[in-house]
């Protein structure tokens, strides 16, 4: 009995230490558990950013998914379809000349929204996987999620020649030195709703 009590006590201590190593941040009404080393970041509408988007950030990309996903899907060196706890995710990674580092982008659904975690590195680490694993679930299945991203990229390819003439777009897409730049782009939330409605109506 004493051994069981000691084991239980050790388990509780480990759990409390693990919990204390995490910080809760809210992005667009959704709580995320992130490592303490990313604490002290800044909050803006629909995003949490530590230092800059080449270091670490969590964003709800509903309002600019076409521009955001379209650009990174086109320019990434690595593109993989993965899953975490049956949640579909899209992993992209590329070298960023602005920061002189490898930067990765992980897209995943929560509810009926698409979120993005961007971070320095070119591997999906256990830290990033844990953030996604502990995030609220989504009813969006893999086929619907991948189809949504494919359609976003198609829309991006159609409009990119117009977008590339904008200096603001160039600075955001290549440097990410001003986190507010994406707020100037077309609102794509209606695109996500349209796509989900068309897919659900076919079931």
Protein backbone atom coordinates (compact mmCIF):
# COMPACT_ATOMS: atom_id res chain seq x y z
CA UNK A 1 0.00 0.00 0.00
CA UNK A 2 2.85 2.36 0.81
CA UNK A 3 4.47 1.67 -2.58
CA UNK A 4 1.22 2.50 -4.37
CA UNK A 5 0.93 5.74 -2.41
CA UNK A 6 4.53 6.70 -3.30
CA UNK A 7 3.96 5.91 -6.99
CA UNK A 8 0.80 8.01 -7.00
CA UNK A 9 2.64 10.88 -5.33
CA UNK A 10 5.46 10.72 -7.89
CA UNK A 11 2.94 10.67 -10.74
CA UNK A 12 1.17 13.75 -9.36
CA UNK A 13 4.48 15.60 -8.97
CA UNK A 14 5.49 14.80 -12.55
CA UNK A 15 2.09 15.91 -13.82
CA UNK A 16 2.27 19.20 -11.91
CA UNK A 17 5.79 19.91 -13.18
CA UNK A 18 4.71 19.14 -16.75
CA UNK A 19 1.69 21.44 -16.42
CA UNK A 20 3.83 24.24 -15.01
CA UNK A 21 6.04 24.05 -18.10
CA UNK A 22 3.11 25.09 -20.27
CA UNK A 23 1.41 28.42 -20.80
CA UNK A 24 -2.14 28.96 -22.00
CA UNK A 25 -2.68 31.47 -24.81
CA UNK A 26 -5.96 32.31 -26.50
CA UNK A 27 -6.11 32.81 -30.24
CA UNK A 28 -9.45 33.74 -31.77
CA UNK A 29 -11.34 32.21 -28.85
CA UNK A 30 -9.34 28.96 -28.76
CA UNK A 31 -6.97 28.05 -25.91
CA UNK A 32 -3.57 26.58 -26.72
CA UNK A 33 -1.05 25.05 -24.32
CA UNK A 34 2.41 26.23 -25.39
CA UNK A 35 5.89 25.80 -23.84
CA UNK A 36 6.98 28.47 -21.36
CA UNK A 37 9.93 29.37 -23.58
CA UNK A 38 7.43 31.00 -25.95
CA UNK A 39 5.93 33.18 -23.20
CA UNK A 40 6.01 36.95 -23.45
CA UNK A 41 4.74 37.09 -27.01
CA UNK A 42 2.32 39.64 -28.44
CA UNK A 43 -1.38 39.25 -29.14
CA UNK A 44 -3.12 40.72 -32.15
CA UNK A 45 -6.47 39.91 -33.69
CA UNK A 46 -6.43 36.21 -34.44
CA UNK A 47 -2.78 35.59 -33.57
CA UNK A 48 -0.14 35.09 -30.91
CA UNK A 49 3.47 35.76 -31.93
CA UNK A 50 6.66 35.19 -29.98
CA UNK A 51 9.42 37.50 -31.32
CA UNK A 52 8.34 37.13 -34.99
CA UNK A 53 6.62 34.70 -37.30
CA UNK A 54 9.92 33.07 -38.17
CA UNK A 55 10.45 32.12 -34.50
CA UNK A 56 7.00 31.06 -33.27
CA UNK A 57 3.40 32.02 -33.86
CA UNK A 58 -0.13 30.65 -33.73
CA UNK A 59 -2.59 32.20 -36.16
CA UNK A 60 -6.18 31.69 -37.24
CA UNK A 61 -5.83 32.11 -41.02
CA UNK A 62 -9.51 32.11 -41.96
CA UNK A 63 -9.40 35.72 -43.15
CA UNK A 64 -6.38 35.30 -45.44
CA UNK A 65 -6.00 31.57 -46.07
CA UNK A 66 -5.70 31.94 -49.85
CA UNK A 67 -2.78 34.37 -49.71
CA UNK A 68 -1.10 32.72 -46.72
CA UNK A 69 -1.39 29.05 -47.61
CA UNK A 70 -1.07 29.64 -51.33
CA UNK A 71 2.27 31.39 -50.97
CA UNK A 72 3.84 28.91 -48.53
CA UNK A 73 2.56 25.85 -50.39
CA UNK A 74 4.13 27.21 -53.57
CA UNK A 75 7.48 28.18 -52.04
CA UNK A 76 8.11 25.36 -49.55
CA UNK A 77 10.86 22.79 -50.00
CA UNK A 78 9.00 20.16 -47.95
CA UNK A 79 5.28 19.40 -48.07
CA UNK A 80 3.74 16.52 -46.14
CA UNK A 81 0.22 15.35 -45.30
CA UNK A 82 0.30 14.07 -41.73
CA UNK A 83 -2.09 13.45 -38.85
CA UNK A 84 -2.04 13.88 -35.08
CA UNK A 85 -4.69 11.93 -33.16
CA UNK A 86 -6.64 11.49 -36.41
CA UNK A 87 -6.58 15.26 -37.02
CA UNK A 88 -5.32 16.05 -40.54
CA UNK A 89 -2.41 18.46 -40.75
CA UNK A 90 -0.34 19.93 -43.57
CA UNK A 91 3.35 20.37 -42.82
CA UNK A 92 5.39 22.79 -44.94
CA UNK A 93 9.01 23.80 -44.47
CA UNK A 94 11.46 26.00 -46.34
CA UNK A 95 14.56 28.11 -45.96
CA UNK A 96 13.73 31.75 -45.20
CA UNK A 97 16.36 34.13 -46.55
CA UNK A 98 15.00 37.03 -44.49
CA UNK A 99 15.73 35.30 -41.16
CA UNK A 100 18.50 33.03 -42.53
CA UNK A 101 16.79 30.04 -40.89
CA UNK A 102 14.56 27.12 -41.80
CA UNK A 103 10.94 27.95 -41.01
CA UNK A 104 8.05 25.49 -40.87
CA UNK A 105 4.29 26.03 -41.20
CA UNK A 106 1.74 23.54 -39.87
CA UNK A 107 -1.90 23.97 -40.90
CA UNK A 108 -4.66 22.14 -39.04
CA UNK A 109 -8.42 22.46 -38.43
CA UNK A 110 -10.17 23.42 -35.21
CA UNK A 111 -13.94 23.56 -35.31
CA UNK A 112 -14.70 25.03 -38.75
CA UNK A 113 -11.55 27.15 -38.85
CA UNK A 114 -8.00 26.65 -40.09
CA UNK A 115 -5.10 27.44 -37.77
CA UNK A 116 -1.40 27.76 -38.46
CA UNK A 117 1.60 27.24 -36.22
CA UNK A 118 4.83 28.63 -37.66
CA UNK A 119 8.16 27.99 -35.99
CA UNK A 120 11.88 27.93 -36.57
CA UNK A 121 13.16 24.55 -37.75
CA UNK A 122 12.43 22.00 -40.44
CA UNK A 123 11.02 19.12 -38.37
CA UNK A 124 7.68 18.59 -36.69
CA UNK A 125 8.88 18.52 -33.08
CA UNK A 126 7.15 16.89 -30.10
CA UNK A 127 6.51 20.40 -28.70
CA UNK A 128 4.52 21.43 -31.77
CA UNK A 129 2.76 18.05 -31.94
CA UNK A 130 1.68 18.44 -28.30
CA UNK A 131 0.21 21.88 -28.97
CA UNK A 132 -1.91 20.45 -31.78
CA UNK A 133 -2.78 17.28 -29.86
CA UNK A 134 -4.15 19.29 -26.91
CA UNK A 135 -6.10 21.76 -29.08
CA UNK A 136 -9.90 21.47 -29.46
CA UNK A 137 -11.09 19.02 -32.08
CA UNK A 138 -12.65 19.62 -35.49
CA UNK A 139 -15.34 17.88 -37.53
CA UNK A 140 -13.42 18.57 -40.73
CA UNK A 141 -12.17 15.24 -42.09
CA UNK A 142 -8.96 14.67 -44.05
CA UNK A 143 -10.54 14.77 -47.52
CA UNK A 144 -12.39 17.99 -46.79
CA UNK A 145 -9.33 19.61 -45.20
CA UNK A 146 -7.01 18.68 -48.06
CA UNK A 147 -9.60 19.76 -50.61
CA UNK A 148 -9.97 23.12 -48.87
CA UNK A 149 -6.21 23.71 -48.99
CA UNK A 150 -6.00 22.59 -52.62
CA UNK A 151 -8.76 25.00 -53.58
CA UNK A 152 -7.07 27.80 -51.62
CA UNK A 153 -3.89 27.20 -53.59
CA UNK A 154 -5.83 27.21 -56.87
CA UNK A 155 -7.40 30.54 -55.93
CA UNK A 156 -3.96 31.88 -54.98
CA UNK A 157 -2.50 30.87 -58.34
CA UNK A 158 -5.28 32.78 -60.09
CA UNK A 159 -4.74 36.00 -58.15
CA UNK A 160 -0.99 35.90 -57.40
CA UNK A 161 0.09 38.01 -60.38
CA UNK A 162 -2.11 40.83 -59.11
CA UNK A 163 -0.95 40.35 -55.52
CA UNK A 164 2.71 40.36 -56.47
CA UNK A 165 2.42 43.92 -57.71
CA UNK A 166 1.71 45.03 -54.16
CA UNK A 167 4.78 46.04 -52.16
CA UNK A 168 2.95 45.26 -48.92
CA UNK A 169 2.33 41.70 -50.11
CA UNK A 170 5.97 41.26 -51.07
CA UNK A 171 7.18 42.40 -47.65
CA UNK A 172 4.76 40.12 -45.82
CA UNK A 173 5.29 37.02 -47.95
CA UNK A 174 9.07 37.21 -48.09
CA UNK A 175 10.11 38.89 -44.88
CA UNK A 176 7.22 38.70 -42.45
CA UNK A 177 8.78 41.73 -40.81
CA UNK A 178 5.40 43.36 -40.18
CA UNK A 179 2.83 41.02 -38.66
CA UNK A 180 -0.01 43.39 -39.48
CA UNK A 181 0.45 43.20 -43.24
CA UNK A 182 -1.94 40.30 -43.70
CA UNK A 183 -4.81 42.43 -42.39
CA UNK A 184 -4.73 44.38 -45.65
CA UNK A 185 -5.57 41.40 -47.82
CA UNK A 186 -8.89 40.06 -49.04
CA UNK A 187 -11.08 38.47 -46.41
CA UNK A 188 -11.26 34.75 -47.19
CA UNK A 189 -13.50 33.59 -44.35
CA UNK A 190 -16.45 33.41 -46.75
CA UNK A 191 -14.31 31.15 -48.95
CA UNK A 192 -13.89 28.64 -46.12
CA UNK A 193 -17.61 28.71 -45.29
CA UNK A 194 -18.50 28.29 -48.97
CA UNK A 195 -16.17 25.33 -49.38
CA UNK A 196 -17.37 23.56 -46.24
CA UNK A 197 -21.02 24.09 -47.17
CA UNK A 198 -20.49 22.70 -50.67
CA UNK A 199 -18.71 19.64 -49.30
CA UNK A 200 -21.30 19.00 -46.60
CA UNK A 201 -24.17 19.30 -49.09
CA UNK A 202 -22.64 16.50 -51.19
CA UNK A 203 -22.70 13.99 -48.31
